[in-house]
Amino acid sequence: MYSRLSLCIRLGILALSLAALPASAHHGWGGNLDEEFEITGTVVTPVSLAGPHATMQIRASDGQVWDITLAPPARTERAGLKEGIIPVGATVMIHGHRNRDPKRFEVKTERVTWNGRLFNVYPDRK
């Protein structure tokens, strides 16, 4: 049998471990450059609302595929950007902040422009 103190310590460790999970899964802005960044490309993987943030992939004119990280799914949907709206092969313009690691081709995105429509997934960021 576990002593009361041992049980309390184990429960405390478990609670701290579980409390850390959401923080590690959240994609903050700290890993991205402060400067605004824009790129135009062709959609190769359409918008997905799975996961903690919506995502898509585009291919730039130089052939490089970029990971596009959008807002959390509910916020992305509120901006009007839902799965299936932008087809594979469509040209989009992405505005946001590039990853600080120059070897990672990823943009934390504020706005997506497609076919004359603006999807502002982070309207509180300017």
Protein backbone atom coordinates (compact mmCIF):
# COMPACT_ATOMS: atom_id res chain seq x y z
CA MET A 1 0.00 0.00 0.00
CA TYR A 2 1.04 3.54 -0.69
CA SER A 3 1.43 5.89 2.20
CA ARG A 4 -0.72 9.01 2.19
CA LEU A 5 2.35 11.21 1.51
CA SER A 6 3.47 9.02 -1.39
CA LEU A 7 -0.01 9.13 -2.90
CA CYS A 8 -0.17 12.92 -2.57
CA ILE A 9 3.23 13.29 -4.25
CA ARG A 10 2.22 11.02 -7.13
CA LEU A 11 -1.07 12.88 -7.63
CA GLY A 12 0.78 16.20 -7.54
CA ILE A 13 3.22 15.05 -10.21
CA LEU A 14 0.37 13.78 -12.35
CA ALA A 15 -1.53 17.09 -12.01
CA LEU A 16 1.56 19.11 -12.98
CA SER A 17 2.21 16.84 -15.97
CA LEU A 18 -1.33 17.22 -17.25
CA ALA A 19 -1.31 20.99 -16.70
CA ALA A 20 1.77 21.29 -18.95
CA LEU A 21 0.19 19.51 -21.94
CA PRO A 22 -1.88 22.40 -23.38
CA ALA A 23 1.04 24.81 -23.13
CA SER A 24 3.33 22.50 -25.08
CA ALA A 25 0.73 22.01 -27.81
CA HIS A 26 0.02 25.71 -28.30
CA HIS A 27 1.69 27.46 -31.21
CA GLY A 28 2.55 30.93 -29.93
CA TRP A 29 4.18 33.74 -31.89
CA GLY A 30 7.59 33.56 -30.17
CA GLY A 31 9.05 31.16 -32.73
CA ASN A 32 8.32 33.57 -35.57
CA LEU A 33 10.06 36.68 -36.82
CA ASP A 34 8.64 40.05 -35.78
CA GLU A 35 8.71 41.34 -39.36
CA GLU A 36 5.64 40.96 -41.54
CA PHE A 37 6.04 38.35 -44.28
CA GLU A 38 4.06 37.72 -47.47
CA ILE A 39 4.24 34.87 -49.92
CA THR A 40 2.12 33.82 -52.87
CA GLY A 41 1.79 30.21 -53.88
CA THR A 42 -0.37 27.39 -55.14
CA VAL A 43 -2.35 25.28 -52.68
CA VAL A 44 -0.99 21.73 -52.51
CA THR A 45 -2.74 20.65 -49.30
CA PRO A 46 -6.11 22.28 -48.60
CA VAL A 47 -7.19 23.83 -45.33
CA SER A 48 -7.48 21.29 -42.52
CA LEU A 49 -9.28 22.16 -39.31
CA ALA A 50 -7.79 19.21 -37.41
CA GLY A 51 -5.38 19.82 -34.58
CA PRO A 52 -4.78 22.78 -32.32
CA HIS A 53 -4.41 25.10 -35.34
CA ALA A 54 -5.85 24.96 -38.84
CA THR A 55 -3.22 24.28 -41.51
CA MET A 56 -2.61 24.16 -45.24
CA GLN A 57 0.40 23.92 -47.56
CA ILE A 58 1.35 26.01 -50.56
CA ARG A 59 4.06 25.75 -53.22
CA ALA A 60 5.94 28.98 -53.94
CA SER A 61 7.10 29.93 -57.44
CA ASP A 62 10.58 28.50 -56.67
CA GLY A 63 9.02 25.08 -55.95
CA GLN A 64 9.44 25.23 -52.18
CA VAL A 65 6.48 23.86 -50.20
CA TRP A 66 5.50 26.02 -47.21
CA ASP A 67 3.56 24.95 -44.12
CA ILE A 68 0.85 27.50 -43.40
CA THR A 69 -0.26 27.62 -39.76
CA LEU A 70 -3.59 29.37 -39.31
CA ALA A 71 -5.61 30.22 -36.20
CA PRO A 72 -7.29 27.57 -34.07
CA PRO A 73 -10.05 25.80 -36.03
CA ALA A 74 -13.05 27.67 -34.55
CA ARG A 75 -11.40 31.04 -35.13
CA THR A 76 -10.39 30.10 -38.68
CA GLU A 77 -13.97 29.05 -39.43
CA ARG A 78 -15.34 32.32 -37.97
CA ALA A 79 -13.11 34.13 -40.47
CA GLY A 80 -14.94 32.22 -43.22
CA LEU A 81 -12.06 29.89 -44.03
CA LYS A 82 -13.50 26.40 -43.91
CA GLU A 83 -12.35 23.07 -45.28
CA GLY A 84 -13.07 22.78 -49.00
CA ILE A 85 -13.44 26.51 -49.73
CA ILE A 86 -10.04 26.98 -51.38
CA PRO A 87 -9.33 24.20 -53.90
CA VAL A 88 -6.01 22.48 -54.49
CA GLY A 89 -4.26 24.32 -57.32
CA ALA A 90 -5.67 27.74 -56.37
CA THR A 91 -3.29 30.67 -55.99
CA VAL A 92 -3.31 32.29 -52.55
CA MET A 93 -1.43 35.14 -50.90
CA ILE A 94 -0.36 34.52 -47.30
CA HIS A 95 0.40 37.34 -44.86
CA GLY A 96 1.91 36.62 -41.47
CA HIS A 97 5.25 35.89 -39.81
CA ARG A 98 7.88 33.45 -41.00
CA ASN A 99 9.43 30.92 -38.64
CA ARG A 100 12.67 32.16 -37.05
CA ASP A 101 14.51 29.04 -38.25
CA PRO A 102 15.45 29.74 -41.90
CA LYS A 103 15.45 25.99 -42.58
CA ARG A 104 11.75 25.75 -41.62
CA PHE A 105 9.45 26.91 -44.38
CA GLU A 106 6.51 27.78 -42.17
CA VAL A 107 4.36 30.90 -41.80
CA LYS A 108 2.20 31.71 -38.80
CA THR A 109 -0.59 33.31 -40.80
CA GLU A 110 -2.72 36.34 -40.03
CA ARG A 111 -4.50 36.66 -43.37
CA VAL A 112 -5.14 34.58 -46.49
CA THR A 113 -6.27 36.18 -49.75
CA TRP A 114 -7.85 34.03 -52.44
CA ASN A 115 -9.95 34.92 -55.46
CA GLY A 116 -10.57 38.46 -54.17
CA ARG A 117 -11.62 37.22 -50.72
CA LEU A 118 -9.77 38.10 -47.54
CA PHE A 119 -9.81 35.60 -44.67
CA ASN A 120 -8.53 37.49 -41.64
CA VAL A 121 -7.95 34.69 -39.12
CA TYR A 122 -6.27 37.03 -36.60
CA PRO A 123 -8.20 40.32 -36.97
CA ASP A 124 -6.80 41.62 -33.69
CA ARG A 125 -3.25 41.56 -35.11
CA LYS A 126 -2.25 44.37 -37.44
